[in-house]
């Protein structure tokens, strides 16, 4: 079991090199309009890339590029329910509580507090 901790914040990203790297690692699924991450995937299916000195989830980087700032502790939910998707139109920002309530049927998380154990 891992312990839940707030996600690191991400400012809006304007760096053309980062944008180019992200876009070069996605393949558009014409049926779903998902931007599927073709780079490294975490065991839970989330894309990962190196940015600003640490491994980041590709959908969070995509959100920061195309939609804006992600403050500490906020999550990015995939409206398409595909963890490999980086399409900014499929990503919404919300609190962990909102995400857990909305996705409770998925049985992935309980109402996590910092330091709580979560199944990963």
Protein backbone atom coordinates (compact mmCIF):
# COMPACT_ATOMS: atom_id res chain seq x y z
CA UNK A 1 0.00 0.00 0.00
CA UNK A 2 1.12 3.50 -0.81
CA UNK A 3 0.25 6.50 1.28
CA UNK A 4 -1.78 9.23 -0.40
CA UNK A 5 -0.09 12.60 -0.52
CA UNK A 6 -1.11 15.82 -2.23
CA UNK A 7 0.14 16.13 -5.79
CA UNK A 8 2.85 18.62 -6.60
CA UNK A 9 1.57 21.87 -8.09
CA UNK A 10 2.24 22.65 -11.74
CA UNK A 11 2.36 26.17 -13.16
CA UNK A 12 1.08 26.87 -16.65
CA UNK A 13 3.72 25.46 -19.03
CA UNK A 14 4.82 27.59 -21.99
CA UNK A 15 8.14 25.90 -22.85
CA UNK A 16 8.02 24.92 -26.55
CA UNK A 17 10.42 21.99 -25.95
CA UNK A 18 8.07 20.46 -23.36
CA UNK A 19 5.05 21.01 -25.59
CA UNK A 20 6.84 19.42 -28.56
CA UNK A 21 7.92 16.43 -26.41
CA UNK A 22 4.39 15.88 -25.11
CA UNK A 23 2.77 16.12 -28.53
CA UNK A 24 5.39 13.80 -30.08
CA UNK A 25 4.41 11.05 -27.61
CA UNK A 26 0.67 10.98 -28.27
CA UNK A 27 -1.40 9.14 -30.84
CA UNK A 28 -4.97 10.28 -31.45
CA UNK A 29 -7.65 7.62 -31.25
CA UNK A 30 -10.10 8.72 -33.96
CA UNK A 31 -13.05 6.89 -32.36
CA UNK A 32 -12.73 8.32 -28.85
CA UNK A 33 -10.70 11.47 -29.58
CA UNK A 34 -8.34 10.40 -26.78
CA UNK A 35 -4.72 11.49 -27.11
CA UNK A 36 -3.11 8.19 -26.10
CA UNK A 37 0.29 8.42 -24.42
CA UNK A 38 2.83 6.28 -26.29
CA UNK A 39 5.71 6.86 -23.89
CA UNK A 40 6.33 5.14 -20.55
CA UNK A 41 3.20 4.04 -18.70
CA UNK A 42 2.88 3.59 -14.93
CA UNK A 43 1.55 0.17 -13.87
CA UNK A 44 -1.89 1.81 -13.40
CA UNK A 45 -1.88 3.00 -17.03
CA UNK A 46 -0.98 6.67 -16.52
CA UNK A 47 1.59 8.18 -18.87
CA UNK A 48 4.82 9.40 -17.29
CA UNK A 49 7.47 11.86 -18.40
CA UNK A 50 10.37 13.73 -16.90
CA UNK A 51 9.65 17.41 -16.36
CA UNK A 52 11.24 20.02 -14.09
CA UNK A 53 13.48 17.54 -12.27
CA UNK A 54 10.91 14.85 -11.51
CA UNK A 55 8.65 12.23 -13.07
CA UNK A 56 5.23 13.71 -13.81
CA UNK A 57 2.01 12.20 -15.09
CA UNK A 58 1.55 13.09 -18.75
CA UNK A 59 -2.10 14.11 -18.35
CA UNK A 60 -1.12 16.63 -15.65
CA UNK A 61 1.57 18.11 -17.91
CA UNK A 62 -0.95 18.28 -20.76
CA UNK A 63 -3.45 20.04 -18.50
CA UNK A 64 -0.78 22.56 -17.40
CA UNK A 65 0.16 23.26 -21.03
CA UNK A 66 -3.30 23.65 -22.52
CA UNK A 67 -5.61 24.51 -19.60
CA UNK A 68 -3.51 26.20 -16.91
CA UNK A 69 -2.22 25.97 -13.35
CA UNK A 70 -2.72 22.92 -11.12
CA UNK A 71 -2.56 23.95 -7.46
CA UNK A 72 -1.26 21.71 -4.67
CA UNK A 73 -3.60 18.87 -3.79
CA UNK A 74 -5.83 19.14 -6.85
CA UNK A 75 -6.37 16.16 -9.11
CA UNK A 76 -7.03 15.90 -12.82
CA UNK A 77 -9.93 13.63 -13.73
CA UNK A 78 -10.25 11.93 -17.10
CA UNK A 79 -13.83 12.41 -18.31
CA UNK A 80 -13.10 9.61 -20.82
CA UNK A 81 -11.98 7.28 -17.99
CA UNK A 82 -8.80 6.40 -19.93
CA UNK A 83 -5.69 6.96 -17.75
CA UNK A 84 -3.40 7.06 -20.82
CA UNK A 85 -5.36 9.97 -22.35
CA UNK A 86 -3.71 13.41 -22.50
CA UNK A 87 -6.43 15.24 -24.46
CA UNK A 88 -6.92 18.52 -22.56
CA UNK A 89 -10.59 18.51 -23.57
CA UNK A 90 -11.00 15.24 -21.61
CA UNK A 91 -9.31 16.57 -18.45
CA UNK A 92 -11.00 18.44 -15.60
CA UNK A 93 -9.46 19.78 -12.42
CA UNK A 94 -11.05 18.93 -9.08
CA UNK A 95 -10.35 18.17 -5.45
CA UNK A 96 -9.64 14.61 -4.39
CA UNK A 97 -12.94 14.61 -2.50
CA UNK A 98 -14.85 15.58 -5.68
CA UNK A 99 -12.98 12.93 -7.66
CA UNK A 100 -13.66 10.21 -5.09
CA UNK A 101 -17.35 11.11 -4.81
CA UNK A 102 -17.83 11.23 -8.57
CA UNK A 103 -15.91 8.02 -9.19
CA UNK A 104 -17.05 6.09 -6.13
CA UNK A 105 -18.57 3.41 -8.34
CA UNK A 106 -15.05 2.67 -9.59
CA UNK A 107 -14.09 1.62 -6.04
CA UNK A 108 -10.57 2.90 -6.63
CA UNK A 109 -10.19 5.20 -3.64
CA UNK A 110 -11.82 5.97 -0.36
CA UNK A 111 -12.06 9.54 0.90
CA UNK A 112 -8.29 9.83 1.29
CA UNK A 113 -6.58 12.18 3.65
CA UNK A 114 -2.85 12.92 3.57
CA UNK A 115 -1.03 9.89 4.96
CA UNK A 116 -3.90 7.45 4.39
CA UNK A 117 -3.02 4.20 2.69
CA UNK A 118 -4.52 3.67 -0.75
CA UNK A 119 -4.43 0.58 -2.94
CA UNK A 120 -2.06 1.10 -5.86
